[in-house]
Amino acid sequence: MARFSGRSWAPSDPGATGSASGSRSTGTAAGSPGGRPHGRHQHARTARPKPVRLRSVAGQVFALQVVVVLLLVVAAVVALVVQSRNDARQEATTRSVAVAQTYANSPGIVEALRSPDPSAVLQPSAQAARINAGVDFIVVLNNDGIRYTHPNPDRIGHKFVGNYQPALSGQVVTEEVTGTIGPLVQAIVPVRAPDGQIVGMVSAGITIANVSSASERQLPVVLGAAAAALGLATGGAALISRRLKRQTHGLGPTEMTRMYEHHAAVLHAVREGVLILGGDGRLLLCNDEARRLLDLPPDAEGRPLAELGLEPAPLELLAAGRAVTDQVVMAGERLLAVNVRPTDRDGGPPGSVATLRDSTELLALTGRAEVAQRRLRLLYDAGVTVGSTLDVTRTAEELAQVTVGRFADIVTVDLAEQVLEGDEPPAGALLRMRRAALSAARDDPPFYPVGTVVEVVPSTPLAGTLSSGLAGVEPRLAEAQAWREQDPEGAARVLAHGVHSLVRVPLKARGVLLGVARFWRSERQEPFEEEDLALAEELVSHAAVCIDNARRYTREHAMAVTLQHSLLPRSLPAQNALEVAHRYLPAQAGVGGDWFDVIPLPGARVAMVVGDVVGHGLHAAATMGRLRTAIHNFSTLDLPPDELLGHLDELVNRIDQEESASGGAAAVTGATCLYLIYDPVSRRCTLASAGHPPPALVRPDGTVVFPELPTGPPLGLAVLPFETVELEVEEGSRLVLYTDGLVEDRQRDIDVGLELLRTALSGPPRTPEQTCADVLGALLPARPQDDIALLVARTRVLPEDRVAQWEVPADPAAVSGVRAAVAERLEQWGLDEAAFVTELILSELVTNAIRYGTGPIRVRLLLDRSLICEVSDGSSTSPHLRYAATTDEGGRGLFLVAQFADRWGTRYTATGKVIWTEQPLE
């Protein structure tokens, strides 16, 4: 409501001004004290000017302007004083440093400090310099802080007061101290000889009071400006006062009366209760609708609220003195929506205005709307919450948890045992289930716990729900009998707990029956009704689809894990070159394509390999198996690492082409691989990489290095040949091979992961098993997003006494000498029984090398887990096993070698080839 000068329907304020001619009646009913307009006469008052007071607008504006000006003046003066002090300190610091440095660098000061009596030489010049520079003192010190000069000669030879130690190291020291002459700033600078040696120090100081500041001279200007501003404020207040006096006479009595009548008519005509309350809690005004809604007495206006007989709820809101918005309270049999707003905002009079609306007729509609809103909110929350994971049990628990307290007090979910295992549920009637979830508002639900087997009894309502697929309701369990046949003892316990109503809904998705969900009420007094079935079916329908998705995922995940585990090595082969430990951790999101292998090679050598196929799932696991099989096949050819990776790259390209040609949507885009060969005889390690992280080499002293090796592109993307690197590895070193899931994830960069790996591997020697445990403990993420393969091998060396080798001349007569030397060495090794077969094998291999090969020809015997014979020559031609005809005079030697040896083959080297055989040791 608009406010006017004076006060409506109340005596005029003595401080207000106005004019009226004669007496005038308001034309409204009289008799309401302080309320509606009265019919009494108004006597004319002579208008006379009033002095400007603080209660008037002009006075308040004037006071505000004065306060603002004073605050600005005080702030300016404080700022000037602070700035003056800061400028004085800065000026004192600058001047003391400049004077000290100038005097320290003046000619002759170094010679004076080194003279027998420095004070006699320096005291006069220091005093003259002090006077010329305008400082309070210049003091020359030796390196022990003893004064050579001082304005007061009595202090010469005494210890200098101040921090001069940094100056002895060549620094300039400035500090503020309070001396006998007051607060001052002193600087201490070193005195350097021509050779840079510090031979003494010079301190210069000046009191802050002696430094003048320009800011102090600005104070009169500021004060003058403040006086001018105060004068302008006074003039402005006088002009505002005159303006307000003119405006109060612009509205005459007739216009004021007409406006009051219009306001009164509108106020009593609206169908909304209006009350105006004073600051003292009295009712100043109320319209007819407010009297009807609150049942107010006829003399309510002017009386305190507490005496009007109001209900406690509306009385509390009206007397609270705070803002209220659409607060619904009961007043008798009416439901009122109350709004309250204070009137003392923006300088208004103390009190408040309240409006009342009768919303009794909207109660039923509002109640139904609230129920529908709660149900929609429950359905929304269930859609967001249920099915957050692809876990059957967790999805059932989410269904139970989201509905407890909002739809039911206890929820049980029973699923077919096959569903929990990821299999298809049985066809036909579902007679056996297992409890997957149980949630209750209280901690002591009267139901069997999770994991209990539920045997469905035929001819019960539960069996009927499962066979028909239709939901059912038991509004009053105590009156129903058929449901008790399922479990009479459990039914009695349920009723004794206070459970009184039940809704059962089958869990059915894609035409497959998965189980049943049952909703029970015990805390809520209202039973389930038929209209609750629709909500329960909506909730269970969504949960059933999520459970079926989780079941399918569980089945596919189990298949993928089984496939992956069948493709990975179940145990590492026996060999003597390396002591190996390994770890393989699948990602939580699903199976991947990481793999590792340890492959024994001829000549007591061992190959180690780790790799990672891009992507996850069955396709990645199957591709990993194909690559692992290919590596085993290529390793039997004894190829060097770079050639093996080249063949592997061709295989990946061929797989990509096959997938693209068949229209496969999961075509392989690449894989990484690291292939390494370790020779325990030469202690050399040969390795090549196809886009894989470098291995870590832990030396016996505990230092960790990541060898520099040319990392080629991933398999399937190579356009250039791969490169091989050779390393010499000390005995007892550890080779650590891994996949990128160990050192890299979404929260950690690979460089950070490599540094963490270096830290975990550093330190005293450890076994490979302990190394695997330490590395995973330091680097394993809480939720691995990728597979992790880790391979740790500690190197061994074949002892020299188990290696024998000879140079063989290209002469058939030299074969007998080689045979004799071999027989002698086998006798030393205690292998007399193998001498005949070994001599036969070597005779054939050496003879073939002399006849068909080129020099140099060498023979080497290795005693490892088997007896290894190697014959090398400089040619690249390889012998082939064949059957000799009955008329052939030769061609049977290599056939005999293959019969007597456990394994044999050819290995190509940079200078020729090596033909090797292995004989088992009995």
Foldseek 3Di string as FASTA:
>chain_A
DDDDQADAQADGDPPTDDFDDWFDALPDDDDFHLEHHHGDTDDTDDDDDDDDDCVDPLNVLLVVLLVVLVVVLVVLVVVLVVVFLVVLQVVQQVLQLVLFVCVLPDPPLVVLLVDPQNLVVVAVVQVVSCVVSVADGKWKFFPQQATSYTPPVVRHRPHDPDDCVVQQVFDKDWDWDQDPVGIKIKIKHFRADPVGHGGIIMMTMHHSVSRGGPSVVCSVVSVVVSVVSSVVSVVVSVVVSVVVVVVSHPDHPVNVSVVSVVVLVVQQPDLKWKWWAAQVQATSYIHPNVCVVQVFDPNRHPGHPVPGPWDPVVSCVQPVQDFDFQDWDDTPPWTKGKTKDFQPPPNGHGTIMMIIDTCNVCPVVVVVVVVVVLLVVLLVVLLVQQLPDLALLVNQQSLQVSCCPSPFFKKWWWWQPCLNQLHAHDPDFRFKTFTRYIDGPDPDQLDDDGGDMQGADPPAVQSVCRRVQAKDKDQFLVPDDRNCVSPVVSSVSNVVLQWTIKIKGFLADPRGTTTIMMGIHGPDPGTDDPVVRVSVHSSSPSSSVSSNSSSNVSVQQVVQVVLLVVLADPDADDADFKDKDKDKDFFPVGGFQWYKHWAQAPQSKIKIKIKGFPDHGNVSSVVSSVLVVLLNVVVNQVDAAQVSLVVSLVVLLVQQVVCVVVVHPDRGPFMKMKMWMARQAQQKIKIWIAQFQFKWKQAQQFAIDRDDADHHHTRNPGPDGIDMDMDRHDAFMKIKDKGQLQQDDPVHDNVNSVVQLRVQRGDHRDRNVVSVVSSCVRGPDPRRPGMMIMMMIGGHHQDPLQKDKDWAPLDLVRLVVVLVVQCVSCVVVVNNVCSVVVSLLSNLVSPCCSVPHADRWMWMWGDTQWIKIKIWGQAADDDDQDDDDPPDPDRCSVVSLPVQFPDWDKHADPRYIMTMTTHHDD
